[in-house]
C-alpha cells in the first residue's frame, strides 16, 4: 500500500469525510477537531512506525501536507 493509500484509509476511518474530498481539502473541512486529529496522528504514527512532533502536526493543514511529510521522513 502506498503512502497516499494508507493516508486515505486512515482519514476515511477516523474522520469519515464527505464524498468528493481530495488531498488538498483542509483537515478542518474534513471534520477534524483536535481530538480527531490526535487520533489520526496516532494511527499514522503506528502505521508508519514514526513519531510526529506536536510542532509538525500544527503545520499539517491538508492530507497532501501529511503525505509530503511522510514521504520525506520515510525515504
N, C-alpha and C. Protein backbone atom coordinates (compact mmCIF):
# COMPACT_ATOMS: atom_id res chain seq x y z
N UNK A 1 0.85 -1.18 0.00
CA UNK A 1 0.00 0.00 0.00
C UNK A 1 0.89 1.24 0.00
N UNK A 2 0.59 2.19 -0.85
CA UNK A 2 1.39 3.41 -0.92
C UNK A 2 1.09 4.33 0.26
N UNK A 3 1.93 5.33 0.42
CA UNK A 3 1.70 6.33 1.47
C UNK A 3 0.34 6.99 1.28
N UNK A 4 0.04 7.38 0.05
CA UNK A 4 -1.25 8.03 -0.21
C UNK A 4 -2.42 7.12 0.12
N UNK A 5 -2.34 5.87 -0.28
CA UNK A 5 -3.43 4.93 0.01
C UNK A 5 -3.61 4.74 1.51
N UNK A 6 -2.51 4.65 2.22
CA UNK A 6 -2.59 4.48 3.67
C UNK A 6 -3.21 5.70 4.34
N UNK A 7 -2.77 6.88 3.92
CA UNK A 7 -3.32 8.13 4.49
C UNK A 7 -4.81 8.24 4.16
N UNK A 8 -5.19 7.93 2.95
CA UNK A 8 -6.62 7.97 2.58
C UNK A 8 -7.44 7.01 3.44
N UNK A 9 -6.91 5.81 3.67
CA UNK A 9 -7.61 4.83 4.50
C UNK A 9 -7.79 5.36 5.92
N UNK A 10 -6.74 5.92 6.48
CA UNK A 10 -6.79 6.42 7.85
C UNK A 10 -7.77 7.60 7.95
N UNK A 11 -7.71 8.52 7.00
CA UNK A 11 -8.63 9.66 7.02
C UNK A 11 -10.08 9.19 6.93
N UNK A 12 -10.33 8.26 6.03
CA UNK A 12 -11.69 7.75 5.87
C UNK A 12 -12.18 7.07 7.15
N UNK A 13 -11.29 6.35 7.79
CA UNK A 13 -11.65 5.63 9.02
C UNK A 13 -11.87 6.57 10.20
N UNK A 14 -11.01 7.55 10.36
CA UNK A 14 -11.07 8.39 11.56
C UNK A 14 -11.89 9.66 11.40
N UNK A 15 -12.00 10.19 10.19
CA UNK A 15 -12.72 11.46 10.01
C UNK A 15 -14.05 11.31 9.31
N UNK A 16 -14.26 10.20 8.62
CA UNK A 16 -15.50 9.97 7.87
C UNK A 16 -15.88 11.19 7.03
N UNK A 17 -14.99 11.58 6.11
CA UNK A 17 -15.23 12.80 5.32
C UNK A 17 -16.36 12.62 4.31
N UNK A 18 -16.89 13.75 3.86
CA UNK A 18 -17.93 13.75 2.83
C UNK A 18 -17.35 13.27 1.51
N UNK A 19 -18.23 12.76 0.66
CA UNK A 19 -17.81 12.35 -0.69
C UNK A 19 -17.15 13.52 -1.41
N UNK A 20 -16.20 13.20 -2.26
CA UNK A 20 -15.59 14.23 -3.09
C UNK A 20 -14.40 14.93 -2.46
N UNK A 21 -13.96 14.51 -1.28
CA UNK A 21 -12.80 15.16 -0.69
C UNK A 21 -11.56 14.77 -1.48
N UNK A 22 -10.54 15.62 -1.40
CA UNK A 22 -9.29 15.31 -2.09
C UNK A 22 -8.11 15.67 -1.20
N UNK A 23 -6.93 15.50 -1.72
CA UNK A 23 -5.72 15.67 -0.92
C UNK A 23 -5.46 17.12 -0.53
N UNK A 24 -6.12 18.06 -1.17
CA UNK A 24 -5.92 19.47 -0.82
C UNK A 24 -7.05 20.03 0.04
N UNK A 25 -8.01 19.17 0.40
CA UNK A 25 -9.06 19.58 1.32
C UNK A 25 -8.45 19.73 2.71
N UNK A 26 -8.73 20.82 3.39
CA UNK A 26 -8.12 21.03 4.71
C UNK A 26 -8.67 20.02 5.71
N UNK A 27 -7.85 19.70 6.70
CA UNK A 27 -8.31 18.78 7.74
C UNK A 27 -9.55 19.34 8.44
N UNK A 28 -9.62 20.66 8.60
CA UNK A 28 -10.80 21.28 9.22
C UNK A 28 -12.05 21.00 8.39
N UNK A 29 -11.92 21.11 7.06
CA UNK A 29 -13.06 20.85 6.19
C UNK A 29 -13.42 19.36 6.13
N UNK A 30 -12.46 18.52 6.51
CA UNK A 30 -12.73 17.08 6.58
C UNK A 30 -13.41 16.69 7.89
N UNK A 31 -13.60 17.66 8.77
CA UNK A 31 -14.28 17.40 10.03
C UNK A 31 -13.37 17.08 11.19
N UNK A 32 -12.12 17.47 11.06
CA UNK A 32 -11.14 17.17 12.10
C UNK A 32 -11.15 18.22 13.20
N UNK A 33 -11.50 17.78 14.41
CA UNK A 33 -11.29 18.64 15.57
C UNK A 33 -9.99 18.18 16.23
N UNK A 34 -9.62 18.76 17.35
CA UNK A 34 -8.33 18.44 17.95
C UNK A 34 -8.24 16.97 18.38
N UNK A 35 -9.32 16.41 18.89
CA UNK A 35 -9.31 15.00 19.31
C UNK A 35 -9.19 14.08 18.09
N UNK A 36 -9.94 14.36 17.05
CA UNK A 36 -9.88 13.53 15.84
C UNK A 36 -8.50 13.61 15.21
N UNK A 37 -7.90 14.79 15.21
CA UNK A 37 -6.57 14.93 14.63
C UNK A 37 -5.55 14.15 15.45
N UNK A 38 -5.70 14.18 16.77
CA UNK A 38 -4.79 13.44 17.63
C UNK A 38 -4.90 11.94 17.34
N UNK A 39 -6.12 11.44 17.21
CA UNK A 39 -6.32 10.02 16.91
C UNK A 39 -5.77 9.67 15.53
N UNK A 40 -5.98 10.54 14.56
CA UNK A 40 -5.47 10.32 13.22
C UNK A 40 -3.94 10.25 13.24
N UNK A 41 -3.30 11.18 13.93
CA UNK A 41 -1.84 11.22 14.01
C UNK A 41 -1.32 9.97 14.71
N UNK A 42 -1.98 9.53 15.76
CA UNK A 42 -1.55 8.31 16.46
C UNK A 42 -1.61 7.10 15.52
N UNK A 43 -2.65 7.02 14.72
CA UNK A 43 -2.76 5.91 13.77
C UNK A 43 -1.69 6.01 12.68
N UNK A 44 -1.42 7.21 12.21
CA UNK A 44 -0.36 7.40 11.22
C UNK A 44 0.99 6.99 11.82
N UNK A 45 1.24 7.41 13.04
CA UNK A 45 2.50 7.04 13.70
C UNK A 45 2.64 5.52 13.81
N UNK A 46 1.56 4.85 14.19
CA UNK A 46 1.59 3.39 14.29
C UNK A 46 1.80 2.74 12.92
N UNK A 47 1.09 3.24 11.93
CA UNK A 47 1.16 2.65 10.59
C UNK A 47 2.53 2.81 9.94
N UNK A 48 3.17 3.95 10.19
CA UNK A 48 4.45 4.24 9.55
C UNK A 48 5.63 4.07 10.50
N UNK A 49 5.35 3.70 11.74
CA UNK A 49 6.38 3.46 12.75
C UNK A 49 7.31 4.67 12.90
N UNK A 50 6.69 5.84 13.04
CA UNK A 50 7.43 7.08 13.25
C UNK A 50 6.74 7.87 14.36
N UNK A 51 7.41 8.92 14.83
CA UNK A 51 6.79 9.86 15.75
C UNK A 51 6.70 11.21 15.06
N UNK A 52 5.57 11.87 15.27
CA UNK A 52 5.35 13.18 14.68
C UNK A 52 5.19 14.17 15.82
N UNK A 53 6.07 15.15 15.88
CA UNK A 53 6.03 16.12 16.97
C UNK A 53 4.79 17.00 16.87
N UNK A 54 4.40 17.57 18.00
CA UNK A 54 3.25 18.49 18.02
C UNK A 54 3.50 19.68 17.09
N UNK A 55 4.75 20.13 17.04
CA UNK A 55 5.08 21.26 16.18
C UNK A 55 4.83 20.93 14.71
N UNK A 56 5.17 19.71 14.30
CA UNK A 56 4.92 19.29 12.92
C UNK A 56 3.42 19.16 12.68
N UNK A 57 2.71 18.55 13.62
CA UNK A 57 1.26 18.37 13.47
C UNK A 57 0.58 19.70 13.21
N UNK A 58 1.02 20.74 13.91
CA UNK A 58 0.42 22.07 13.74
C UNK A 58 0.62 22.62 12.33
N UNK A 59 1.63 22.16 11.62
CA UNK A 59 1.89 22.66 10.26
C UNK A 59 1.13 21.87 9.20
N UNK A 60 0.56 20.75 9.55
CA UNK A 60 -0.13 19.89 8.59
C UNK A 60 -1.56 20.38 8.40
N UNK A 61 -1.81 21.02 7.28
CA UNK A 61 -3.13 21.60 7.01
C UNK A 61 -4.01 20.73 6.12
N UNK A 62 -3.37 19.90 5.29
CA UNK A 62 -4.11 19.07 4.34
C UNK A 62 -3.52 17.66 4.32
N UNK A 63 -4.28 16.70 3.80
CA UNK A 63 -3.71 15.36 3.63
C UNK A 63 -2.43 15.37 2.78
N UNK A 64 -2.36 16.24 1.79
CA UNK A 64 -1.16 16.34 0.94
C UNK A 64 0.05 16.75 1.78
N UNK A 65 -0.15 17.68 2.71
CA UNK A 65 0.94 18.07 3.62
C UNK A 65 1.43 16.85 4.40
N UNK A 66 0.51 16.06 4.89
CA UNK A 66 0.86 14.87 5.65
C UNK A 66 1.61 13.87 4.79
N UNK A 67 1.14 13.64 3.58
CA UNK A 67 1.79 12.70 2.67
C UNK A 67 3.21 13.18 2.34
N UNK A 68 3.36 14.46 2.06
CA UNK A 68 4.69 15.00 1.77
C UNK A 68 5.63 14.81 2.96
N UNK A 69 5.14 15.08 4.16
CA UNK A 69 5.95 14.88 5.36
C UNK A 69 6.35 13.41 5.50
N UNK A 70 5.39 12.51 5.34
CA UNK A 70 5.67 11.09 5.48
C UNK A 70 6.66 10.60 4.42
N UNK A 71 6.50 11.04 3.19
CA UNK A 71 7.43 10.65 2.14
C UNK A 71 8.84 11.11 2.45
N UNK A 72 8.97 12.31 2.98
CA UNK A 72 10.28 12.85 3.35
C UNK A 72 10.88 12.05 4.51
N UNK A 73 10.07 11.74 5.51
CA UNK A 73 10.57 11.07 6.71
C UNK A 73 10.84 9.59 6.51
N UNK A 74 10.17 8.96 5.58
CA UNK A 74 10.30 7.51 5.43
C UNK A 74 11.14 7.11 4.22
N UNK A 75 11.72 8.10 3.55
CA UNK A 75 12.55 7.75 2.37
C UNK A 75 14.00 7.58 2.74
